[in-house]
N, C-alpha and C. Protein backbone atom coordinates (compact mmCIF):
# COMPACT_ATOMS: atom_id res chain seq x y z
N MET A 1 98.83 53.02 -152.70
CA MET A 1 100.13 52.38 -152.82
C MET A 1 100.29 51.33 -151.72
N TRP A 2 99.91 51.66 -150.48
CA TRP A 2 100.09 50.72 -149.38
C TRP A 2 99.17 49.52 -149.53
N GLY A 3 97.96 49.75 -150.02
CA GLY A 3 97.03 48.64 -150.18
C GLY A 3 97.53 47.61 -151.19
N ARG A 4 98.09 48.08 -152.30
CA ARG A 4 98.64 47.16 -153.30
C ARG A 4 99.86 46.42 -152.75
N ASN A 5 100.65 47.13 -151.95
CA ASN A 5 101.83 46.50 -151.35
C ASN A 5 101.41 45.41 -150.35
N VAL A 6 100.40 45.69 -149.55
CA VAL A 6 99.92 44.70 -148.59
C VAL A 6 99.33 43.50 -149.32
N TYR A 7 98.57 43.75 -150.37
CA TYR A 7 97.98 42.66 -151.15
C TYR A 7 99.08 41.78 -151.76
N ASP A 8 100.12 42.41 -152.33
CA ASP A 8 101.23 41.66 -152.91
C ASP A 8 101.97 40.85 -151.85
N SER A 9 102.17 41.44 -150.68
CA SER A 9 102.86 40.73 -149.60
C SER A 9 102.05 39.54 -149.11
N ILE A 10 100.75 39.71 -148.99
CA ILE A 10 99.89 38.59 -148.58
C ILE A 10 99.92 37.49 -149.63
N SER A 11 99.90 37.86 -150.90
CA SER A 11 99.96 36.86 -151.98
C SER A 11 101.27 36.08 -151.94
N LYS A 12 102.37 36.78 -151.76
CA LYS A 12 103.68 36.11 -151.70
C LYS A 12 103.76 35.19 -150.50
N PHE A 13 103.28 35.67 -149.35
CA PHE A 13 103.31 34.85 -148.14
C PHE A 13 102.44 33.61 -148.31
N LEU A 14 101.27 33.78 -148.88
CA LEU A 14 100.36 32.66 -149.10
C LEU A 14 100.97 31.64 -150.06
N GLN A 15 101.60 32.11 -151.12
CA GLN A 15 102.24 31.20 -152.06
C GLN A 15 103.36 30.41 -151.38
N PHE A 16 104.16 31.08 -150.58
CA PHE A 16 105.25 30.42 -149.88
C PHE A 16 104.72 29.39 -148.89
N GLN A 17 103.72 29.78 -148.10
CA GLN A 17 103.18 28.87 -147.09
C GLN A 17 102.50 27.66 -147.71
N LEU A 18 101.75 27.87 -148.77
CA LEU A 18 101.09 26.74 -149.42
C LEU A 18 102.11 25.77 -149.99
N THR A 19 103.18 26.29 -150.57
CA THR A 19 104.22 25.42 -151.11
C THR A 19 104.86 24.59 -150.01
N VAL A 20 105.25 25.23 -148.93
CA VAL A 20 105.90 24.52 -147.82
C VAL A 20 104.97 23.48 -147.22
N ASN A 21 103.72 23.83 -147.00
CA ASN A 21 102.78 22.90 -146.38
C ASN A 21 102.41 21.74 -147.29
N VAL A 22 102.23 22.01 -148.58
CA VAL A 22 101.93 20.92 -149.52
C VAL A 22 103.08 19.92 -149.55
N VAL A 23 104.29 20.42 -149.61
CA VAL A 23 105.46 19.53 -149.64
C VAL A 23 105.56 18.73 -148.34
N ALA A 24 105.37 19.37 -147.20
CA ALA A 24 105.48 18.68 -145.91
C ALA A 24 104.43 17.59 -145.78
N VAL A 25 103.21 17.86 -146.18
CA VAL A 25 102.14 16.86 -146.07
C VAL A 25 102.39 15.69 -147.01
N ILE A 26 102.81 15.98 -148.24
CA ILE A 26 103.06 14.89 -149.19
C ILE A 26 104.24 14.04 -148.75
N VAL A 27 105.29 14.67 -148.25
CA VAL A 27 106.45 13.91 -147.77
C VAL A 27 106.06 13.04 -146.58
N ALA A 28 105.33 13.58 -145.63
CA ALA A 28 104.92 12.81 -144.46
C ALA A 28 104.00 11.65 -144.85
N PHE A 29 103.03 11.91 -145.71
CA PHE A 29 102.09 10.87 -146.09
C PHE A 29 102.76 9.78 -146.93
N THR A 30 103.53 10.18 -147.94
CA THR A 30 104.20 9.21 -148.81
C THR A 30 105.24 8.42 -148.04
N GLY A 31 106.00 9.10 -147.20
CA GLY A 31 107.00 8.40 -146.39
C GLY A 31 106.37 7.41 -145.45
N ALA A 32 105.23 7.76 -144.86
CA ALA A 32 104.54 6.85 -143.95
C ALA A 32 103.98 5.64 -144.71
N CYS A 33 103.52 5.85 -145.93
CA CYS A 33 102.99 4.74 -146.73
C CYS A 33 104.09 3.80 -147.21
N ILE A 34 105.23 4.36 -147.57
CA ILE A 34 106.30 3.54 -148.14
C ILE A 34 107.13 2.85 -147.05
N THR A 35 107.51 3.59 -146.04
CA THR A 35 108.44 3.04 -145.03
C THR A 35 107.77 2.69 -143.71
N GLN A 36 106.46 2.85 -143.61
CA GLN A 36 105.71 2.61 -142.38
C GLN A 36 106.13 3.51 -141.22
N ASP A 37 106.92 4.55 -141.52
CA ASP A 37 107.32 5.53 -140.52
C ASP A 37 107.49 6.87 -141.23
N SER A 38 106.94 7.89 -140.67
CA SER A 38 107.00 9.20 -141.32
C SER A 38 108.40 9.79 -141.21
N PRO A 39 108.94 10.30 -142.32
CA PRO A 39 110.26 10.94 -142.26
C PRO A 39 110.23 12.23 -141.45
N LEU A 40 109.08 12.86 -141.35
CA LEU A 40 108.93 14.08 -140.55
C LEU A 40 107.98 13.79 -139.39
N LYS A 41 108.49 13.93 -138.20
CA LYS A 41 107.64 13.75 -137.02
C LYS A 41 106.78 15.00 -136.83
N ALA A 42 105.76 14.91 -136.01
CA ALA A 42 104.84 16.02 -135.80
C ALA A 42 105.56 17.25 -135.24
N VAL A 43 106.47 17.02 -134.32
CA VAL A 43 107.21 18.14 -133.72
C VAL A 43 108.09 18.82 -134.77
N GLN A 44 108.69 18.04 -135.65
CA GLN A 44 109.52 18.62 -136.71
C GLN A 44 108.67 19.46 -137.67
N MET A 45 107.48 18.97 -138.00
CA MET A 45 106.61 19.73 -138.89
C MET A 45 106.16 21.03 -138.24
N LEU A 46 105.85 20.99 -136.94
CA LEU A 46 105.48 22.21 -136.24
C LEU A 46 106.65 23.19 -136.16
N TRP A 47 107.85 22.68 -135.95
CA TRP A 47 109.03 23.53 -135.88
C TRP A 47 109.29 24.19 -137.24
N VAL A 48 109.19 23.41 -138.31
CA VAL A 48 109.39 23.97 -139.65
C VAL A 48 108.35 25.06 -139.93
N ASN A 49 107.10 24.79 -139.57
CA ASN A 49 106.06 25.80 -139.78
C ASN A 49 106.31 27.06 -138.96
N LEU A 50 106.74 26.90 -137.73
CA LEU A 50 107.00 28.06 -136.88
C LEU A 50 108.14 28.91 -137.45
N ILE A 51 109.23 28.27 -137.82
CA ILE A 51 110.38 29.00 -138.36
C ILE A 51 110.02 29.65 -139.70
N MET A 52 109.37 28.89 -140.57
CA MET A 52 109.05 29.42 -141.90
C MET A 52 108.03 30.55 -141.79
N ASP A 53 107.06 30.44 -140.92
CA ASP A 53 106.07 31.52 -140.74
C ASP A 53 106.75 32.79 -140.27
N THR A 54 107.61 32.65 -139.28
CA THR A 54 108.25 33.82 -138.69
C THR A 54 109.13 34.55 -139.69
N PHE A 55 110.04 33.82 -140.33
CA PHE A 55 110.98 34.47 -141.23
C PHE A 55 110.30 35.00 -142.49
N ALA A 56 109.34 34.26 -143.01
CA ALA A 56 108.64 34.71 -144.21
C ALA A 56 107.82 35.96 -143.92
N SER A 57 107.13 35.97 -142.80
CA SER A 57 106.32 37.14 -142.49
C SER A 57 107.19 38.37 -142.20
N LEU A 58 108.32 38.17 -141.54
CA LEU A 58 109.23 39.29 -141.30
C LEU A 58 109.79 39.83 -142.61
N ALA A 59 110.17 38.95 -143.50
CA ALA A 59 110.75 39.38 -144.77
C ALA A 59 109.72 40.15 -145.60
N LEU A 60 108.50 39.67 -145.64
CA LEU A 60 107.50 40.33 -146.47
C LEU A 60 106.91 41.56 -145.81
N ALA A 61 106.90 41.60 -144.49
CA ALA A 61 106.34 42.76 -143.80
C ALA A 61 107.27 43.97 -143.89
N THR A 62 108.53 43.73 -144.06
CA THR A 62 109.49 44.83 -144.12
C THR A 62 109.78 45.28 -145.55
N GLU A 63 109.08 44.71 -146.51
CA GLU A 63 109.28 45.10 -147.91
C GLU A 63 108.58 46.44 -148.16
N PRO A 64 109.35 47.47 -148.49
CA PRO A 64 108.73 48.80 -148.66
C PRO A 64 107.99 48.89 -150.00
N PRO A 65 106.96 49.72 -150.06
CA PRO A 65 106.26 49.92 -151.33
C PRO A 65 107.12 50.74 -152.29
N THR A 66 106.91 50.51 -153.58
CA THR A 66 107.67 51.24 -154.60
C THR A 66 106.72 52.10 -155.41
N GLU A 67 107.29 53.01 -156.14
CA GLU A 67 106.48 53.89 -156.99
C GLU A 67 105.86 53.13 -158.16
N ALA A 68 106.48 52.00 -158.54
CA ALA A 68 105.95 51.20 -159.64
C ALA A 68 104.57 50.63 -159.32
N LEU A 69 104.25 50.50 -158.04
CA LEU A 69 102.92 50.00 -157.66
C LEU A 69 101.81 50.94 -158.13
N LEU A 70 102.12 52.23 -158.20
CA LEU A 70 101.11 53.19 -158.62
C LEU A 70 100.83 53.13 -160.11
N LEU A 71 101.75 52.57 -160.87
CA LEU A 71 101.57 52.48 -162.32
C LEU A 71 100.69 51.30 -162.71
N ARG A 72 100.51 50.36 -161.79
CA ARG A 72 99.65 49.21 -162.06
C ARG A 72 98.20 49.53 -161.84
N LYS A 73 97.35 48.80 -162.53
CA LYS A 73 95.92 48.93 -162.30
C LYS A 73 95.59 48.37 -160.92
N PRO A 74 94.58 48.92 -160.26
CA PRO A 74 94.18 48.35 -158.97
C PRO A 74 93.53 46.97 -159.17
N TYR A 75 93.61 46.16 -158.15
CA TYR A 75 92.99 44.84 -158.21
C TYR A 75 91.50 44.98 -158.01
N GLY A 76 90.74 44.16 -158.69
CA GLY A 76 89.30 44.19 -158.52
C GLY A 76 88.87 43.48 -157.25
N ARG A 77 87.66 43.75 -156.82
CA ARG A 77 87.15 43.11 -155.60
C ARG A 77 86.93 41.62 -155.78
N ASN A 78 86.68 41.20 -156.99
CA ASN A 78 86.39 39.79 -157.25
C ASN A 78 87.61 39.00 -157.68
N LYS A 79 88.78 39.60 -157.67
CA LYS A 79 90.00 38.90 -158.08
C LYS A 79 90.32 37.83 -157.04
N PRO A 80 90.54 36.59 -157.47
CA PRO A 80 90.86 35.53 -156.50
C PRO A 80 92.23 35.77 -155.87
N LEU A 81 92.36 35.35 -154.62
CA LEU A 81 93.62 35.53 -153.90
C LEU A 81 94.70 34.61 -154.47
N ILE A 82 94.30 33.43 -154.91
CA ILE A 82 95.25 32.50 -155.54
C ILE A 82 94.94 32.48 -157.03
N SER A 83 95.80 33.12 -157.80
CA SER A 83 95.59 33.20 -159.24
C SER A 83 96.10 31.93 -159.93
N ARG A 84 95.82 31.82 -161.20
CA ARG A 84 96.26 30.68 -161.99
C ARG A 84 97.79 30.63 -162.03
N THR A 85 98.42 31.79 -162.19
CA THR A 85 99.89 31.85 -162.22
C THR A 85 100.47 31.42 -160.88
N MET A 86 99.85 31.87 -159.79
CA MET A 86 100.33 31.49 -158.47
C MET A 86 100.20 29.98 -158.26
N MET A 87 99.11 29.41 -158.72
CA MET A 87 98.91 27.96 -158.58
C MET A 87 99.98 27.20 -159.37
N LYS A 88 100.31 27.69 -160.57
CA LYS A 88 101.37 27.06 -161.35
C LYS A 88 102.71 27.15 -160.64
N ASN A 89 102.98 28.30 -160.03
CA ASN A 89 104.23 28.47 -159.27
C ASN A 89 104.28 27.53 -158.06
N ILE A 90 103.17 27.41 -157.35
CA ILE A 90 103.11 26.53 -156.19
C ILE A 90 103.37 25.09 -156.61
N LEU A 91 102.70 24.65 -157.66
CA LEU A 91 102.88 23.27 -158.13
C LEU A 91 104.29 23.04 -158.65
N GLY A 92 104.84 24.00 -159.38
CA GLY A 92 106.20 23.86 -159.89
C GLY A 92 107.22 23.76 -158.78
N HIS A 93 107.12 24.65 -157.80
CA HIS A 93 108.06 24.61 -156.67
C HIS A 93 107.88 23.33 -155.85
N ALA A 94 106.64 22.91 -155.66
CA ALA A 94 106.38 21.70 -154.89
C ALA A 94 106.96 20.48 -155.59
N VAL A 95 106.78 20.38 -156.90
CA VAL A 95 107.34 19.24 -157.64
C VAL A 95 108.87 19.24 -157.54
N TYR A 96 109.48 20.40 -157.69
CA TYR A 96 110.94 20.49 -157.58
C TYR A 96 111.41 20.07 -156.18
N GLN A 97 110.77 20.58 -155.14
CA GLN A 97 111.18 20.25 -153.78
C GLN A 97 110.92 18.78 -153.46
N LEU A 98 109.80 18.25 -153.92
CA LEU A 98 109.50 16.84 -153.68
C LEU A 98 110.51 15.93 -154.39
N THR A 99 110.87 16.29 -155.60
CA THR A 99 111.87 15.51 -156.33
C THR A 99 113.19 15.49 -155.56
N LEU A 100 113.60 16.62 -155.10
CA LEU A 100 114.85 16.72 -154.36
C LEU A 100 114.77 15.96 -153.03
N ILE A 101 113.70 16.11 -152.29
CA ILE A 101 113.55 15.45 -150.99
C ILE A 101 113.47 13.94 -151.15
N PHE A 102 112.67 13.47 -152.12
CA PHE A 102 112.55 12.02 -152.31
C PHE A 102 113.86 11.42 -152.82
N THR A 103 114.60 12.17 -153.60
CA THR A 103 115.91 11.70 -154.04
C THR A 103 116.84 11.53 -152.84
N LEU A 104 116.83 12.49 -151.94
CA LEU A 104 117.68 12.41 -150.75
C LEU A 104 117.21 11.32 -149.79
N LEU A 105 115.91 11.10 -149.69
CA LEU A 105 115.39 10.11 -148.75
C LEU A 105 115.52 8.67 -149.24
N PHE A 106 115.25 8.44 -150.49
CA PHE A 106 115.10 7.07 -150.96
C PHE A 106 116.20 6.59 -151.91
N VAL A 107 117.12 7.44 -152.27
CA VAL A 107 118.19 6.98 -153.18
C VAL A 107 119.48 6.87 -152.43
């Protein structure tokens, strides 16, 4: 039960972190190309990463395991850490966040 809970928590944390980092890099790069100045400075990006890492890891580390985890099949050893569904979620969230950020920055 604990192993499945840890695996799920790592997957959720990884999905969250990849989404935040993809959005930050695209915003910094695109903003620098369009306006010749990055909308996010290096210190701001480090601060966002520090805050997001801390709160996300605390939230996922304190998530207790449930009995429903025992009803699921165990994960195989060859199962990729980033699944196709997770990749779709990352891209969907990133597109949504980028749309919102670019709307606020450039409109």
